[in-house]
């Protein structure tokens, strides 16, 4: 879609308070510090950004409002196209490889690592913005860098947390939410027996499916590759994770093996499940509907339980902003990114996202959105605690390809649905991962 006056009016009311606060928390206006490079848009420049469809409307409204401010200041029109979460990855890859299409993309995880030579070097800008705002969170930064250079700009982590009905947990005999995986399994069994089951996605969901699968693996000490990048998925730890997933799956409602990123939201809102993991968007979907007030008042959030590994290990959906090398207006694109990362603008966007998007910069962690509602607390540290999906090896084309091919997601799905034994599911994942990791 293109930016229009109506888009900006829609976003301006929700943005006004955040913008007013922008200069009073964080580190202030990065531009005022005099450390920023200068980019002069090319004569007649126009830009096109490909982004993912928002789950929180106010997040998009804040982005559009900031974009309109950029256009008003520079005269550079910015067209914004939206695609489903699943479609952004292939469309961006096609644009990169054919050398035409959008100038910029808001993409997922380590997708930029699949085509680094097709992207504009953003090291100057990334270094300056990080230095002016307390530094980037390491996990998000690692997705955006290759060989020490910024091939993208770290944008946000979309926090993933357990959401549940408190009254249903108590009715199942639990006075508080279990903190470990053993207790979590017992809770899910008890909730199923009460007719208020859980549900987690085993389908090819870019965010929720990957988040769940990586938590299952890592919480039991498994990993796709070791530190050298050698495939290490076939292990006793992985077997334990699969066996645990099989037991959890028995407590789920039918059909979770085909869930994509919208399905767990819908199932929770419809009352089909009383426990799942999701971004804060499910809370705001309930909050905006008066008919769901009882559900909203009963909803709670918490971080995923700790497994045998003994520490919290979670994947959070991470997004970056890249500029394609085929753009005719690289200076305009850099100027746009610089403007969007101006402290008050980025803070306004984070606040507009209502805890859906966690800031990429340490200097912005004081954004009042994190203390404005108790439900936000479980999402507040997503950027600082996330583990990159390529763990324990380096990020690159191999990690990006393995995730894009849903190797880990499919491993669990094959086993829990009975298509393969746990041992065969591991071997299949090992074989597929070895196509990408050639060491």
Foldseek 3Di string as FASTA:
>chain_A
DWQDPVLQVVQVVLLVVLLVCLQVAFQGWLVVVVLADDFAWDPPAEFEEEEEDDLFVLLVSLVSNLQVVLCVVRVHTYHYHYDHLLPQLVVVVVCLVVLDDGQKYWHWFLSCQQRLVQFDWCQRRQVSLQVSGAHFQVQQVQSQDDPRTGQWHWFFFQFKWKKFQQVLLVVLPDPDADQELVSNLSSQVSSLVVQAHAAFALALALFRLLFVLVQLQVLLPAAQAAAALAGDLQDPSNLVSLVSLLSNLVSHDPDRNHDYQCVNLVCCQVSVHRMYMHGCSSLVVLVVDPVNVVVNVRMAIAHDHHYPVGDDATATITITMTGTPSDPIPSSVSVSVSSCSGRSSSLSSCVSSLLRTEGRHPSNLVRCSCVPDNRNVRSSCNRNRYDRRNPPYRDHSLSSVLSSVVLSSVLSSCPSVVVDPNNVSSVSSSVVSCVRRPD
